PDB file of N, CA and C in Angstrom:
ATOM      1  N   MET A   1     -12.546  11.801  -4.134  1.00  0.00           N
ATOM      2  CA  MET A   1     -12.468  10.762  -2.911  1.00  0.00           C
ATOM      3  C   MET A   1     -11.539  11.221  -1.973  1.00  0.00           C
ATOM      4  N   GLU A   2     -12.066  11.033  -0.601  1.00  0.00           N
ATOM      5  CA  GLU A   2     -11.147  11.438   0.403  1.00  0.00           C
ATOM      6  C   GLU A   2     -10.040  10.751   0.943  1.00  0.00           C
ATOM      7  N   SER A   3      -9.161  11.370   1.501  1.00  0.00           N
ATOM      8  CA  SER A   3      -7.771  10.718   2.028  1.00  0.00           C
ATOM      9  C   SER A   3      -8.208   9.395   2.639  1.00  0.00           C
ATOM     10  N   THR A   4      -9.003   9.599   3.503  1.00  0.00           N
ATOM     11  CA  THR A   4      -9.327   8.242   4.255  1.00  0.00           C
ATOM     12  C   THR A   4      -9.808   6.959   3.626  1.00  0.00           C
ATOM     13  N   GLN A   5     -10.478   7.419   2.522  1.00  0.00           N
ATOM     14  CA  GLN A   5     -11.273   6.478   1.514  1.00  0.00           C
ATOM     15  C   GLN A   5      -9.849   5.953   0.735  1.00  0.00           C
ATOM     16  N   ILE A   6      -9.090   6.647   0.311  1.00  0.00           N
ATOM     17  CA  ILE A   6      -8.089   5.985  -0.656  1.00  0.00           C
ATOM     18  C   ILE A   6      -7.260   5.224  -0.037  1.00  0.00           C
ATOM     19  N   LEU A   7      -6.643   5.493   1.218  1.00  0.00           N
ATOM     20  CA  LEU A   7      -5.757   4.434   1.831  1.00  0.00           C
ATOM     21  C   LEU A   7      -6.453   3.590   2.644  1.00  0.00           C
ATOM     22  N   LEU A   8      -6.657   2.187   2.301  1.00  0.00           N
ATOM     23  CA  LEU A   8      -7.430   1.319   3.081  1.00  0.00           C
ATOM     24  C   LEU A   8      -6.692   0.831   4.388  1.00  0.00           C
ATOM     25  N   ARG A   9      -5.417   0.310   4.250  1.00  0.00           N
ATOM     26  CA  ARG A   9      -4.674  -0.018   5.430  1.00  0.00           C
ATOM     27  C   ARG A   9      -3.465  -0.262   5.078  1.00  0.00           C
ATOM     28  N   PRO A  10      -2.328  -0.056   5.827  1.00  0.00           N
ATOM     29  CA  PRO A  10      -0.928  -0.369   5.675  1.00  0.00           C
ATOM     30  C   PRO A  10      -0.716  -1.807   5.596  1.00  0.00           C
ATOM     31  N   LEU A  11       0.240  -2.132   4.773  1.00  0.00           N
ATOM     32  CA  LEU A  11       0.721  -3.541   4.687  1.00  0.00           C
ATOM     33  C   LEU A  11       2.059  -3.732   5.593  1.00  0.00           C
ATOM     34  N   ILE A  12       1.814  -4.677   6.561  1.00  0.00           N
ATOM     35  CA  ILE A  12       2.802  -4.860   7.385  1.00  0.00           C
ATOM     36  C   ILE A  12       3.345  -6.378   7.325  1.00  0.00           C
ATOM     37  N   SER A  13       4.494  -6.528   6.778  1.00  0.00           N
ATOM     38  CA  SER A  13       5.052  -7.976   6.565  1.00  0.00           C
ATOM     39  C   SER A  13       6.471  -7.995   6.805  1.00  0.00           C
ATOM     40  N   GLU A  14       7.254  -8.827   6.621  1.00  0.00           N
ATOM     41  CA  GLU A  14       8.777  -9.015   6.773  1.00  0.00           C
ATOM     42  C   GLU A  14       9.298  -8.285   5.625  1.00  0.00           C
ATOM     43  N   LYS A  15       8.753  -8.400   4.300  1.00  0.00           N
ATOM     44  CA  LYS A  15       9.158  -7.715   3.315  1.00  0.00           C
ATOM     45  C   LYS A  15       8.918  -6.166   3.525  1.00  0.00           C
ATOM     46  N   THR A  16       7.939  -5.703   3.823  1.00  0.00           N
ATOM     47  CA  THR A  16       7.514  -4.233   3.893  1.00  0.00           C
ATOM     48  C   THR A  16       8.513  -3.743   5.021  1.00  0.00           C
ATOM     49  N   THR A  17       8.648  -4.397   6.159  1.00  0.00           N
ATOM     50  CA  THR A  17       9.519  -3.737   7.231  1.00  0.00           C
ATOM     51  C   THR A  17      11.110  -3.787   6.710  1.00  0.00           C
ATOM     52  N   LEU A  18      11.508  -4.502   5.929  1.00  0.00           N
ATOM     53  CA  LEU A  18      13.005  -4.505   5.348  1.00  0.00           C
ATOM     54  C   LEU A  18      12.973  -3.353   4.409  1.00  0.00           C
ATOM     55  N   MET A  19      11.853  -3.080   3.630  1.00  0.00           N
ATOM     56  CA  MET A  19      11.794  -1.972   2.717  1.00  0.00           C
ATOM     57  C   MET A  19      11.802  -0.558   3.505  1.00  0.00           C
ATOM     58  N   LYS A  20      11.028  -0.710   4.558  1.00  0.00           N
ATOM     59  CA  LYS A  20      11.170   0.417   5.276  1.00  0.00           C
ATOM     60  C   LYS A  20      12.452   0.951   5.926  1.00  0.00           C
ATOM     61  N   GLN A  21      13.014  -0.108   6.483  1.00  0.00           N
ATOM     62  CA  GLN A  21      14.450   0.081   6.775  1.00  0.00           C
ATOM     63  C   GLN A  21      15.402   0.575   5.796  1.00  0.00           C
ATOM     64  N   ASN A  22      15.543  -0.183   4.806  1.00  0.00           N
ATOM     65  CA  ASN A  22      16.559  -0.074   3.741  1.00  0.00           C
ATOM     66  C   ASN A  22      16.299   1.062   2.701  1.00  0.00           C
ATOM     67  N   ALA A  23      15.104   1.126   2.069  1.00  0.00           N
ATOM     68  CA  ALA A  23      14.751   1.994   0.980  1.00  0.00           C
ATOM     69  C   ALA A  23      14.040   3.086   1.624  1.00  0.00           C
ATOM     70  N   ASN A  24      13.415   3.200   2.816  1.00  0.00           N
ATOM     71  CA  ASN A  24      12.725   4.241   3.258  1.00  0.00           C
ATOM     72  C   ASN A  24      11.400   4.328   2.329  1.00  0.00           C
ATOM     73  N   GLN A  25      10.774   3.173   2.358  1.00  0.00           N
ATOM     74  CA  GLN A  25       9.469   2.723   1.569  1.00  0.00           C
ATOM     75  C   GLN A  25       8.492   2.232   2.410  1.00  0.00           C
ATOM     76  N   VAL A  26       7.097   2.569   2.300  1.00  0.00           N
ATOM     77  CA  VAL A  26       6.048   2.166   3.165  1.00  0.00           C
ATOM     78  C   VAL A  26       4.963   1.624   1.910  1.00  0.00           C
ATOM     79  N   ALA A  27       4.346   0.368   2.221  1.00  0.00           N
ATOM     80  CA  ALA A  27       3.328  -0.116   1.495  1.00  0.00           C
ATOM     81  C   ALA A  27       1.839   0.076   2.059  1.00  0.00           C
ATOM     82  N   PHE A  28       1.023   0.172   1.245  1.00  0.00           N
ATOM     83  CA  PHE A  28      -0.329   0.530   1.609  1.00  0.00           C
ATOM     84  C   PHE A  28      -1.325  -0.274   0.584  1.00  0.00           C
ATOM     85  N   LEU A  29      -2.682  -0.805   1.124  1.00  0.00           N
ATOM     86  CA  LEU A  29      -3.389  -1.234   0.216  1.00  0.00           C
ATOM     87  C   LEU A  29      -4.343  -0.166   0.018  1.00  0.00           C
ATOM     88  N   VAL A  30      -4.780   0.016  -1.378  1.00  0.00           N
ATOM     89  CA  VAL A  30      -5.493   1.386  -1.710  1.00  0.00           C
ATOM     90  C   VAL A  30      -6.804   0.992  -2.401  1.00  0.00           C
ATOM     91  N   HIS A  31      -7.566   1.912  -2.625  1.00  0.00           N
ATOM     92  CA  HIS A  31      -8.834   1.935  -3.341  1.00  0.00           C
ATOM     93  C   HIS A  31      -8.350   1.423  -4.724  1.00  0.00           C
ATOM     94  N   PRO A  32      -9.221   0.472  -5.275  1.00  0.00           N
ATOM     95  CA  PRO A  32      -8.973   0.455  -6.835  1.00  0.00           C
ATOM     96  C   PRO A  32      -8.951   1.195  -7.793  1.00  0.00           C
ATOM     97  N   ALA A  33      -9.826   2.344  -7.556  1.00  0.00           N
ATOM     98  CA  ALA A  33      -9.901   3.330  -8.648  1.00  0.00           C
ATOM     99  C   ALA A  33      -8.889   4.547  -8.305  1.00  0.00           C
ATOM    100  N   ALA A  34      -7.999   4.370  -7.107  1.00  0.00           N
ATOM    101  CA  ALA A  34      -6.944   5.648  -6.874  1.00  0.00           C
ATOM    102  C   ALA A  34      -5.854   5.524  -7.823  1.00  0.00           C
ATOM    103  N   ASN A  35      -5.122   6.822  -8.089  1.00  0.00           N
ATOM    104  CA  ASN A  35      -3.975   6.748  -8.850  1.00  0.00           C
ATOM    105  C   ASN A  35      -2.916   7.240  -8.219  1.00  0.00           C
ATOM    106  N   LYS A  36      -1.883   7.433  -8.713  1.00  0.00           N
ATOM    107  CA  LYS A  36      -0.420   7.605  -8.019  1.00  0.00           C
ATOM    108  C   LYS A  36      -0.666   9.092  -7.267  1.00  0.00           C
ATOM    109  N   ILE A  37      -1.197  10.129  -8.114  1.00  0.00           N
ATOM    110  CA  ILE A  37      -1.316  11.450  -7.404  1.00  0.00           C
ATOM    111  C   ILE A  37      -2.437  11.234  -6.288  1.00  0.00           C
ATOM    112  N   ASP A  38      -3.336  10.673  -6.319  1.00  0.00           N
ATOM    113  CA  ASP A  38      -4.338  10.455  -5.248  1.00  0.00           C
ATOM    114  C   ASP A  38      -3.702   9.984  -3.979  1.00  0.00           C
ATOM    115  N   VAL A  39      -2.989   8.773  -4.449  1.00  0.00           N
ATOM    116  CA  VAL A  39      -2.024   8.407  -3.202  1.00  0.00           C
ATOM    117  C   VAL A  39      -1.168   9.045  -2.397  1.00  0.00           C
ATOM    118  N   GLN A  40      -0.365   9.752  -3.493  1.00  0.00           N
ATOM    119  CA  GLN A  40       0.730  10.867  -2.965  1.00  0.00           C
ATOM    120  C   GLN A  40      -0.078  12.131  -2.020  1.00  0.00           C
ATOM    121  N   ARG A  41      -1.194  12.305  -2.485  1.00  0.00           N
ATOM    122  CA  ARG A  41      -1.739  13.430  -1.659  1.00  0.00           C
ATOM    123  C   ARG A  41      -2.329  12.954  -0.265  1.00  0.00           C
ATOM    124  N   ALA A  42      -2.882  11.826  -0.476  1.00  0.00           N
ATOM    125  CA  ALA A  42      -3.612  11.212   0.816  1.00  0.00           C
ATOM    126  C   ALA A  42      -2.458  10.898   1.983  1.00  0.00           C
ATOM    127  N   VAL A  43      -1.276  10.466   1.411  1.00  0.00           N
ATOM    128  CA  VAL A  43      -0.169  10.127   2.399  1.00  0.00           C
ATOM    129  C   VAL A  43       0.137  11.350   2.885  1.00  0.00           C
ATOM    130  N   GLU A  44       0.426  12.383   2.217  1.00  0.00           N
ATOM    131  CA  GLU A  44       1.085  13.556   2.568  1.00  0.00           C
ATOM    132  C   GLU A  44       0.016  14.291   3.417  1.00  0.00           C
ATOM    133  N   ASP A  45      -1.169  14.248   3.291  1.00  0.00           N
ATOM    134  CA  ASP A  45      -2.251  14.654   3.875  1.00  0.00           C
ATOM    135  C   ASP A  45      -2.522  14.020   5.515  1.00  0.00           C
ATOM    136  N   VAL A  46      -2.553  12.714   5.587  1.00  0.00           N
ATOM    137  CA  VAL A  46      -2.875  11.810   6.561  1.00  0.00           C
ATOM    138  C   VAL A  46      -1.815  11.939   7.546  1.00  0.00           C
ATOM    139  N   PHE A  47      -0.618  11.616   7.068  1.00  0.00           N
ATOM    140  CA  PHE A  47       0.546  11.513   7.743  1.00  0.00           C
ATOM    141  C   PHE A  47       1.573  12.745   7.928  1.00  0.00           C
ATOM    142  N   GLY A  48       1.251  13.698   7.083  1.00  0.00           N
ATOM    143  CA  GLY A  48       2.221  14.779   7.305  1.00  0.00           C
ATOM    144  C   GLY A  48       3.523  14.680   6.838  1.00  0.00           C
ATOM    145  N   VAL A  49       4.058  13.752   5.974  1.00  0.00           N
ATOM    146  CA  VAL A  49       5.349  13.517   5.249  1.00  0.00           C
ATOM    147  C   VAL A  49       5.525  13.899   3.914  1.00  0.00           C
ATOM    148  N   GLN A  50       6.866  14.113   3.464  1.00  0.00           N
ATOM    149  CA  GLN A  50       6.931  14.311   2.083  1.00  0.00           C
ATOM    150  C   GLN A  50       7.165  13.228   1.453  1.00  0.00           C
ATOM    151  N   VAL A  51       6.337  13.172   0.189  1.00  0.00           N
ATOM    152  CA  VAL A  51       6.470  11.691  -0.680  1.00  0.00           C
ATOM    153  C   VAL A  51       7.466  11.915  -1.937  1.00  0.00           C
ATOM    154  N   THR A  52       8.343  11.019  -2.265  1.00  0.00           N
ATOM    155  CA  THR A  52       9.204  11.218  -3.275  1.00  0.00           C
ATOM    156  C   THR A  52       8.702  10.535  -4.359  1.00  0.00           C
ATOM    157  N   ALA A  53       8.219   9.457  -4.412  1.00  0.00           N
ATOM    158  CA  ALA A  53       7.638   8.608  -5.519  1.00  0.00           C
ATOM    159  C   ALA A  53       6.471   7.610  -5.005  1.00  0.00           C
ATOM    160  N   VAL A  54       5.795   7.099  -5.904  1.00  0.00           N
ATOM    161  CA  VAL A  54       4.679   6.119  -5.479  1.00  0.00           C
ATOM    162  C   VAL A  54       4.715   5.290  -6.781  1.00  0.00           C
ATOM    163  N   ASN A  55       4.567   3.903  -6.471  1.00  0.00           N
ATOM    164  CA  ASN A  55       4.759   2.663  -7.304  1.00  0.00           C
ATOM    165  C   ASN A  55       3.415   2.096  -7.168  1.00  0.00           C
ATOM    166  N   MET A  56       2.753   1.599  -8.112  1.00  0.00           N
ATOM    167  CA  MET A  56       1.449   0.894  -7.995  1.00  0.00           C
ATOM    168  C   MET A  56       1.485  -0.491  -8.376  1.00  0.00           C
ATOM    169  N   VAL A  57       0.845  -1.485  -7.882  1.00  0.00           N
ATOM    170  CA  VAL A  57       0.741  -2.779  -8.359  1.00  0.00           C
ATOM    171  C   VAL A  57      -0.833  -3.419  -8.256  1.00  0.00           C
ATOM    172  N   ARG A  58      -1.167  -3.748  -9.340  1.00  0.00           N
ATOM    173  CA  ARG A  58      -2.508  -4.375  -9.405  1.00  0.00           C
ATOM    174  C   ARG A  58      -2.752  -5.843  -9.425  1.00  0.00           C
ATOM    175  N   TYR A  59      -3.487  -6.504  -8.661  1.00  0.00           N
ATOM    176  CA  TYR A  59      -3.521  -7.841  -8.685  1.00  0.00           C
ATOM    177  C   TYR A  59      -4.970  -8.058  -9.068  1.00  0.00           C
ATOM    178  N   ARG A  60      -5.180  -8.821 -10.146  1.00  0.00           N
ATOM    179  CA  ARG A  60      -6.381  -9.038 -10.709  1.00  0.00           C
ATOM    180  C   ARG A  60      -7.225 -10.474  -9.814  1.00  0.00           C
ATOM    181  N   PRO A  61      -8.441 -10.122  -9.949  1.00  0.00           N
ATOM    182  CA  PRO A  61      -9.226 -11.216  -9.321  1.00  0.00           C
ATOM    183  C   PRO A  61      -9.018 -12.437 -10.188  1.00  0.00           C
ATOM    184  N   ARG A  62      -8.824 -13.752  -9.408  1.00  0.00           N
ATOM    185  CA  ARG A  62      -8.756 -14.891  -9.989  1.00  0.00           C
ATOM    186  C   ARG A  62      -9.395 -16.220  -9.362  1.00  0.00           C
ATOM    187  N   VAL A  63      -9.958 -17.207 -10.015  1.00  0.00           N
ATOM    188  CA  VAL A  63     -10.242 -18.392  -9.286  1.00  0.00           C
ATOM    189  C   VAL A  63      -9.442 -19.234  -8.920  1.00  0.00           C
ATOM    190  N   ARG A  64      -9.523 -19.892  -7.478  1.00  0.00           N
ATOM    191  CA  ARG A  64      -8.415 -20.820  -7.133  1.00  0.00           C
ATOM    192  C   ARG A  64      -8.831 -22.076  -7.496  1.00  0.00           C
ATOM    193  N   THR A  65      -8.007 -22.950  -8.163  1.00  0.00           N
ATOM    194  CA  THR A  65      -8.512 -24.332  -8.580  1.00  0.00           C
ATOM    195  C   THR A  65      -7.805 -25.391  -7.522  1.00  0.00           C
ATOM    196  N   LYS A  66      -8.383 -26.429  -7.562  1.00  0.00           N
ATOM    197  CA  LYS A  66      -7.845 -27.618  -6.636  1.00  0.00           C
ATOM    198  C   LYS A  66      -8.283 -28.829  -7.443  1.00  0.00           C
ATOM    199  N   PHE A  67      -7.380 -29.546  -8.144  1.00  0.00           N
ATOM    200  CA  PHE A  67      -7.541 -30.918  -8.784  1.00  0.00           C
ATOM    201  C   PHE A  67      -8.436 -30.414  -9.965  1.00  0.00           C
ATOM    202  N   GLY A  68      -8.149 -29.539 -10.661  1.00  0.00           N
ATOM    203  CA  GLY A  68      -8.987 -29.108 -11.964  1.00  0.00           C
ATOM    204  C   GLY A  68     -10.244 -28.394 -11.672  1.00  0.00           C
ATOM    205  N   ARG A  69     -10.766 -28.373 -10.557  1.00  0.00           N
ATOM    206  CA  ARG A  69     -12.100 -27.751 -10.279  1.00  0.00           C
ATOM    207  C   ARG A  69     -11.986 -26.256  -9.490  1.00  0.00           C
ATOM    208  N   ALA A  70     -12.995 -25.487  -9.583  1.00  0.00           N
ATOM    209  CA  ALA A  70     -12.858 -24.386  -9.106  1.00  0.00           C
ATOM    210  C   ALA A  70     -13.099 -24.391  -7.416  1.00  0.00           C
ATOM    211  N   ALA A  71     -12.228 -23.934  -6.735  1.00  0.00           N
ATOM    212  CA  ALA A  71     -12.231 -24.184  -5.108  1.00  0.00           C
ATOM    213  C   ALA A  71     -12.567 -22.844  -4.508  1.00  0.00           C
ATOM    214  N   GLY A  72     -12.626 -21.818  -4.997  1.00  0.00           N
ATOM    215  CA  GLY A  72     -12.692 -20.632  -4.326  1.00  0.00           C
ATOM    216  C   GLY A  72     -12.403 -19.439  -5.111  1.00  0.00           C
ATOM    217  N   LYS A  73     -12.587 -18.198  -5.004  1.00  0.00           N
ATOM    218  CA  LYS A  73     -12.219 -16.757  -5.622  1.00  0.00           C
ATOM    219  C   LYS A  73     -11.210 -16.133  -4.620  1.00  0.00           C
ATOM    220  N   ILE A  74     -10.166 -15.613  -5.523  1.00  0.00           N
ATOM    221  CA  ILE A  74      -9.477 -14.688  -4.667  1.00  0.00           C
ATOM    222  C   ILE A  74      -9.579 -13.223  -5.342  1.00  0.00           C
ATOM    223  N   ARG A  75      -9.895 -12.304  -4.195  1.00  0.00           N
ATOM    224  CA  ARG A  75     -10.395 -11.072  -4.673  1.00  0.00           C
ATOM    225  C   ARG A  75      -9.249 -10.169  -5.139  1.00  0.00           C
ATOM    226  N   GLY A  76      -9.424  -9.406  -5.996  1.00  0.00           N
ATOM    227  CA  GLY A  76      -8.522  -8.445  -6.665  1.00  0.00           C
ATOM    228  C   GLY A  76      -8.132  -7.229  -5.666  1.00  0.00           C
ATOM    229  N   TYR A  77      -6.929  -6.891  -5.570  1.00  0.00           N
ATOM    230  CA  TYR A  77      -6.704  -5.577  -4.720  1.00  0.00           C
ATOM    231  C   TYR A  77      -5.501  -4.693  -5.576  1.00  0.00           C
ATOM    232  N   LYS A  78      -5.306  -3.569  -4.874  1.00  0.00           N
ATOM    233  CA  LYS A  78      -4.235  -2.790  -5.376  1.00  0.00           C
ATOM    234  C   LYS A  78      -3.515  -2.168  -4.342  1.00  0.00           C
ATOM    235  N   LYS A  79      -1.971  -2.499  -4.606  1.00  0.00           N
ATOM    236  CA  LYS A  79      -1.126  -2.039  -3.688  1.00  0.00           C
ATOM    237  C   LYS A  79      -0.278  -0.606  -4.013  1.00  0.00           C
ATOM    238  N   ALA A  80       0.102   0.096  -3.212  1.00  0.00           N
ATOM    239  CA  ALA A  80       0.903   1.281  -3.545  1.00  0.00           C
ATOM    240  C   ALA A  80       2.136   0.932  -2.570  1.00  0.00           C
ATOM    241  N   TYR A  81       3.349   1.415  -3.393  1.00  0.00           N
ATOM    242  CA  TYR A  81       4.698   1.382  -2.658  1.00  0.00           C
ATOM    243  C   TYR A  81       5.083   2.928  -2.646  1.00  0.00           C
ATOM    244  N   VAL A  82       4.975   3.411  -1.345  1.00  0.00           N
ATOM    245  CA  VAL A  82       5.307   4.826  -1.273  1.00  0.00           C
ATOM    246  C   VAL A  82       6.890   5.390  -0.774  1.00  0.00           C
ATOM    247  N   THR A  83       7.629   5.986  -1.489  1.00  0.00           N
ATOM    248  CA  THR A  83       8.883   6.135  -1.043  1.00  0.00           C
ATOM    249  C   THR A  83       8.906   7.415  -0.403  1.00  0.00           C
ATOM    250  N   LEU A  84       9.291   7.684   0.800  1.00  0.00           N
ATOM    251  CA  LEU A  84       9.245   8.642   1.400  1.00  0.00           C
ATOM    252  C   LEU A  84      10.651   9.681   1.273  1.00  0.00           C
ATOM    253  N   ALA A  85      10.704  11.040   1.588  1.00  0.00           N
ATOM    254  CA  ALA A  85      11.870  11.672   1.665  1.00  0.00           C
ATOM    255  C   ALA A  85      12.730  11.364   2.478  1.00  0.00           C
ATOM    256  N   PRO A  86      14.093  11.701   2.352  1.00  0.00           N
ATOM    257  CA  PRO A  86      15.002  11.389   3.167  1.00  0.00           C
ATOM    258  C   PRO A  86      14.850  12.012   4.779  1.00  0.00           C
ATOM    259  N   GLY A  87      14.879  11.457   5.569  1.00  0.00           N
ATOM    260  CA  GLY A  87      14.674  11.943   6.876  1.00  0.00           C
ATOM    261  C   GLY A  87      13.133  11.720   7.493  1.00  0.00           C
ATOM    262  N   ALA A  88      12.155  11.490   6.749  1.00  0.00           N
ATOM    263  CA  ALA A  88      10.839  11.236   6.902  1.00  0.00           C
ATOM    264  C   ALA A  88      10.560   9.914   7.026  1.00  0.00           C
ATOM    265  N   SER A  89       9.645   9.619   8.206  1.00  0.00           N
ATOM    266  CA  SER A  89       9.210   8.441   8.479  1.00  0.00           C
ATOM    267  C   SER A  89       7.782   8.213   9.134  1.00  0.00           C
ATOM    268  N   ILE A  90       7.164   7.132   8.826  1.00  0.00           N
ATOM    269  CA  ILE A  90       5.835   6.657   9.427  1.00  0.00           C
ATOM    270  C   ILE A  90       5.803   5.808  10.416  1.00  0.00           C
ATOM    271  N   ASP A  91       5.376   5.904  11.465  1.00  0.00           N
ATOM    272  CA  ASP A  91       5.387   4.841  12.770  1.00  0.00           C
ATOM    273  C   ASP A  91       3.983   4.488  12.821  1.00  0.00           C
ATOM    274  N   PHE A  92       3.785   3.185  12.372  1.00  0.00           N
ATOM    275  CA  PHE A  92       2.339   2.699  12.566  1.00  0.00           C
ATOM    276  C   PHE A  92       2.176   2.165  14.137  1.00  0.00           C
ATOM    277  N   PHE A  93       3.355   1.639  14.760  1.00  0.00           N
ATOM    278  CA  PHE A  93       3.075   1.289  16.064  1.00  0.00           C
ATOM    279  C   PHE A  93       3.850   2.155  16.926  1.00  0.00           C
ATOM    280  N   GLU A  94       3.195   3.069  17.643  1.00  0.00           N
ATOM    281  CA  GLU A  94       3.828   4.001  18.585  1.00  0.00           C
ATOM    282  C   GLU A  94       3.938   3.604  20.025  1.00  0.00           C
ATOM    283  N   GLY A  95       4.795   3.562  20.529  1.00  0.00           N
ATOM    284  CA  GLY A  95       4.728   3.201  22.009  1.00  0.00           C
ATOM    285  C   GLY A  95       4.792   1.671  22.305  1.00  0.00           C
ATOM    286  N   VAL A  96       5.291   0.873  21.421  1.00  0.00           N
ATOM    287  CA  VAL A  96       5.471  -0.539  21.452  1.00  0.00           C
ATOM    288  C   VAL A  96       6.812  -0.843  21.730  1.00  0.00           C
TER     289      VAL A  96
END
């Protein structure tokens, strides 16, 4: 799998912004078949930074219910929390 296929998109929220400032961590939505080594290589190739650690979280697909009935599906996805080396940073919004 290529680096551009592994990293689907960065996750930008209040929580991930605080993680980026305090712990030098960045969150990505990744391909469900990717593992920690694939994500580490992809981040290092695409952004040119040193990666210290990668933590993965998998969310399983589930059925959303309302009043005991199936009301819709929530797709499963996989997130990766990437810890960058001290002094390294990734800027998603340049010039803003």
